[in-house]
Amino acid sequence: MKNIKITLIGLLLLLAGSSAFAQTKNKIEIYLLNRIVPQLDEKCTNGQFFVSYQDLNPDPLIKDEEIVAYNVATHEFTFSESGAQKMANLKPSKDRGLQFALAVDRKPVVTGYIMDKSSPSGCATYGLLNVGSTKQLLLKGMPEFGTHVRIKEQRENILFINALKATGRLQKN
């Protein structure tokens, strides 16, 4: 009887732990970085860079619940009003932008710069650009031509797409 109780308690703890873990799976968030991360090509003003979860600020800029949808065909995010307001309040420099990481469960899957739409320099990596009150475009290069052929495609990352599907936020039109 004692072994049965221990086994049942163990199973309950295992189930409780797995349900707590399941609650954090597929969490999509956008983070600013806790340091300026060097670019892969120093000749480029706003070039590609890679980060780990250790480079992310402790708290996301845009929380999971503030990401309403993502259209995989147009690469357009829809944010909640609170998420859109946070983006509107940012003041990225016109020549540099702000480094960000799009993360799934704190694992960075897309890195780039939050850019001011009047920025003259653009970027040779991903740019997050405000195009409407709650709309943000995730561009591959800014402007989205020319250097984009050298930029590794990150917007179709399997973790990102699966998290969007699992949470019902993936749009395809």
Protein backbone atom coordinates (compact mmCIF):
# COMPACT_ATOMS: atom_id res chain seq x y z
CA MET A 1 0.00 0.00 0.00
CA LYS A 2 2.85 2.35 0.85
CA ASN A 3 4.45 1.71 -2.58
CA ILE A 4 1.16 2.50 -4.31
CA LYS A 5 0.87 5.83 -2.45
CA ILE A 6 4.44 6.76 -3.35
CA THR A 7 3.81 5.82 -6.97
CA LEU A 8 0.59 7.88 -7.07
CA ILE A 9 2.29 10.89 -5.49
CA GLY A 10 5.11 10.59 -8.02
CA LEU A 11 2.65 10.45 -10.91
CA LEU A 12 0.76 13.48 -9.58
CA LEU A 13 3.99 15.46 -9.28
CA LEU A 14 5.01 14.41 -12.78
CA LEU A 15 1.65 15.46 -14.22
CA ALA A 16 1.67 18.75 -12.30
CA GLY A 17 5.16 19.51 -13.56
CA SER A 18 4.32 18.65 -17.15
CA SER A 19 1.17 20.81 -17.12
CA ALA A 20 3.15 23.76 -15.75
CA PHE A 21 5.69 23.20 -18.53
CA ALA A 22 2.93 22.96 -21.13
CA GLN A 23 1.64 26.37 -20.08
CA THR A 24 4.90 28.02 -21.11
CA LYS A 25 5.31 26.18 -24.42
CA ASN A 26 4.71 28.13 -27.63
CA LYS A 27 5.18 31.51 -25.95
CA ILE A 28 6.13 34.03 -28.65
CA GLU A 29 7.67 37.28 -27.45
CA ILE A 30 9.79 40.14 -28.74
CA TYR A 31 12.76 41.24 -26.65
CA LEU A 32 15.14 44.13 -26.71
CA LEU A 33 18.69 43.06 -25.92
CA ASN A 34 20.66 43.71 -22.75
CA ARG A 35 23.76 44.70 -24.75
CA ILE A 36 24.71 45.77 -28.26
CA VAL A 37 25.56 42.56 -30.06
CA PRO A 38 28.33 42.77 -32.67
CA GLN A 39 27.32 42.23 -36.28
CA LEU A 40 28.71 39.40 -38.37
CA ASP A 41 29.94 41.90 -40.98
CA GLU A 42 31.31 45.10 -39.45
CA LYS A 43 31.33 46.85 -42.86
CA CYS A 44 27.54 46.91 -42.82
CA THR A 45 25.73 49.54 -40.74
CA ASN A 46 22.82 47.35 -39.64
CA GLY A 47 23.92 43.81 -40.42
CA GLN A 48 23.03 40.34 -39.24
CA PHE A 49 23.82 39.23 -35.71
CA PHE A 50 22.95 36.22 -33.61
CA VAL A 51 22.06 36.02 -29.94
CA SER A 52 21.32 33.51 -27.22
CA TYR A 53 18.69 33.71 -24.49
CA GLN A 54 21.35 35.29 -22.26
CA ASP A 55 21.36 38.40 -24.46
CA LEU A 56 17.63 39.01 -23.95
CA ASN A 57 16.36 41.55 -21.45
CA PRO A 58 14.66 39.83 -18.49
CA ASP A 59 11.22 41.08 -19.56
CA PRO A 60 9.89 41.08 -23.11
CA LEU A 61 9.10 44.30 -24.93
CA ILE A 62 6.07 42.62 -26.52
CA LYS A 63 4.49 39.87 -24.43
CA ASP A 64 2.94 36.71 -25.84
CA GLU A 65 -0.61 37.92 -25.18
CA GLU A 66 0.12 41.16 -27.09
CA ILE A 67 0.83 39.26 -30.32
CA VAL A 68 -2.62 38.74 -31.81
CA ALA A 69 -1.65 37.23 -35.18
CA TYR A 70 1.10 36.79 -37.75
CA ASN A 71 0.47 36.55 -41.49
CA VAL A 72 3.09 34.23 -42.99
CA ALA A 73 2.38 35.42 -46.56
CA THR A 74 2.82 39.15 -45.88
CA HIS A 75 5.09 38.83 -42.82
CA GLU A 76 2.80 41.16 -40.91
CA PHE A 77 2.20 41.04 -37.16
CA THR A 78 -0.99 42.27 -35.56
CA PHE A 79 -0.41 43.49 -32.02
CA SER A 80 -2.89 44.32 -29.32
CA GLU A 81 -3.42 48.00 -28.52
CA SER A 82 -0.96 47.75 -25.60
CA GLY A 83 1.70 46.09 -27.78
CA ALA A 84 1.17 48.66 -30.54
CA GLN A 85 1.51 51.48 -28.02
CA LYS A 86 4.84 50.08 -26.78
CA MET A 87 6.14 50.01 -30.36
CA ALA A 88 4.89 53.55 -31.01
CA ASN A 89 6.68 54.79 -27.88
CA LEU A 90 10.06 53.45 -29.04
CA LYS A 91 12.45 55.97 -30.49
CA PRO A 92 15.02 54.02 -32.51
CA SER A 93 17.88 56.09 -33.90
CA LYS A 94 17.52 56.79 -37.60
CA ASP A 95 20.97 55.43 -38.39
CA ARG A 96 21.11 52.37 -36.15
CA GLY A 97 17.71 51.19 -34.96
CA LEU A 98 17.23 49.00 -31.88
CA GLN A 99 18.41 45.40 -31.84
CA PHE A 100 15.63 42.92 -31.07
CA ALA A 101 15.04 39.19 -30.94
CA LEU A 102 11.81 37.36 -31.65
CA ALA A 103 11.83 34.37 -29.32
CA VAL A 104 9.79 31.23 -28.78
CA ASP A 105 9.96 30.14 -25.14
CA ARG A 106 12.94 32.55 -24.74
CA LYS A 107 14.82 30.86 -27.60
CA PRO A 108 15.73 33.54 -30.18
CA VAL A 109 14.52 32.58 -33.67
CA VAL A 110 14.69 35.91 -35.55
CA THR A 111 17.06 38.80 -34.88
CA GLY A 112 17.05 42.24 -36.40
CA TYR A 113 16.47 45.94 -35.84
CA ILE A 114 13.39 47.91 -34.91
CA MET A 115 13.68 50.70 -37.44
CA ASP A 116 12.26 54.17 -37.83
CA LYS A 117 10.42 54.27 -41.17
CA SER A 118 12.24 57.47 -42.09
CA SER A 119 15.63 55.82 -41.57
CA PRO A 120 17.88 56.55 -44.55
CA SER A 121 20.23 53.62 -43.99
CA GLY A 122 17.91 50.63 -43.88
CA CYS A 123 19.41 47.33 -42.80
CA ALA A 124 20.95 44.19 -44.22
CA THR A 125 19.08 41.88 -41.88
CA TYR A 126 15.53 41.77 -40.51
CA GLY A 127 13.68 44.95 -39.73
CA LEU A 128 10.54 45.38 -37.68
CA LEU A 129 8.67 48.37 -39.05
CA ASN A 130 5.47 50.01 -37.81
CA VAL A 131 3.04 50.23 -40.75
CA GLY A 132 -0.24 50.95 -38.97
CA SER A 133 -1.79 51.38 -35.58
CA THR A 134 -1.49 47.69 -34.66
CA LYS A 135 0.46 46.39 -37.68
CA GLN A 136 4.18 45.64 -37.82
CA LEU A 137 6.03 44.27 -40.85
CA LEU A 138 8.91 41.84 -40.38
CA LEU A 139 11.00 42.73 -43.41
CA LYS A 140 13.94 40.78 -44.77
CA GLY A 141 16.28 43.67 -45.42
CA MET A 142 15.21 47.29 -45.53
CA PRO A 143 14.29 48.20 -48.12
CA GLU A 144 13.18 44.65 -48.84
CA PHE A 145 15.31 44.13 -51.94
CA GLY A 146 18.96 44.17 -52.97
CA THR A 147 20.89 42.71 -50.05
CA HIS A 148 18.08 40.37 -48.96
CA VAL A 149 19.43 37.49 -51.05
CA ARG A 150 22.37 37.21 -48.62
CA ILE A 151 20.14 37.20 -45.56
CA LYS A 152 19.36 33.76 -44.17
CA GLU A 153 15.58 33.18 -44.01
CA GLN A 154 14.53 33.20 -40.35
CA ARG A 155 10.84 34.14 -40.65
CA GLU A 156 9.94 30.53 -41.48
CA ASN A 157 11.67 29.07 -38.44
CA ILE A 158 9.91 25.83 -37.52
CA LEU A 159 9.64 26.72 -33.79
CA PHE A 160 8.04 30.05 -34.70
CA ILE A 161 5.59 28.59 -37.23
CA ASN A 162 4.64 25.68 -34.94
CA ALA A 163 4.06 28.06 -32.01
CA LEU A 164 1.84 30.23 -34.20
CA LYS A 165 -0.13 27.17 -35.35
CA ALA A 166 -0.46 25.75 -31.83
CA THR A 167 -1.80 29.04 -30.48
CA GLY A 168 -4.13 29.76 -33.42
CA ARG A 169 -2.32 32.93 -34.51
CA LEU A 170 -1.01 31.84 -37.93
CA GLN A 171 -2.64 33.55 -40.88
CA LYS A 172 -1.88 32.55 -44.47
CA ASN A 173 -3.62 35.11 -46.69
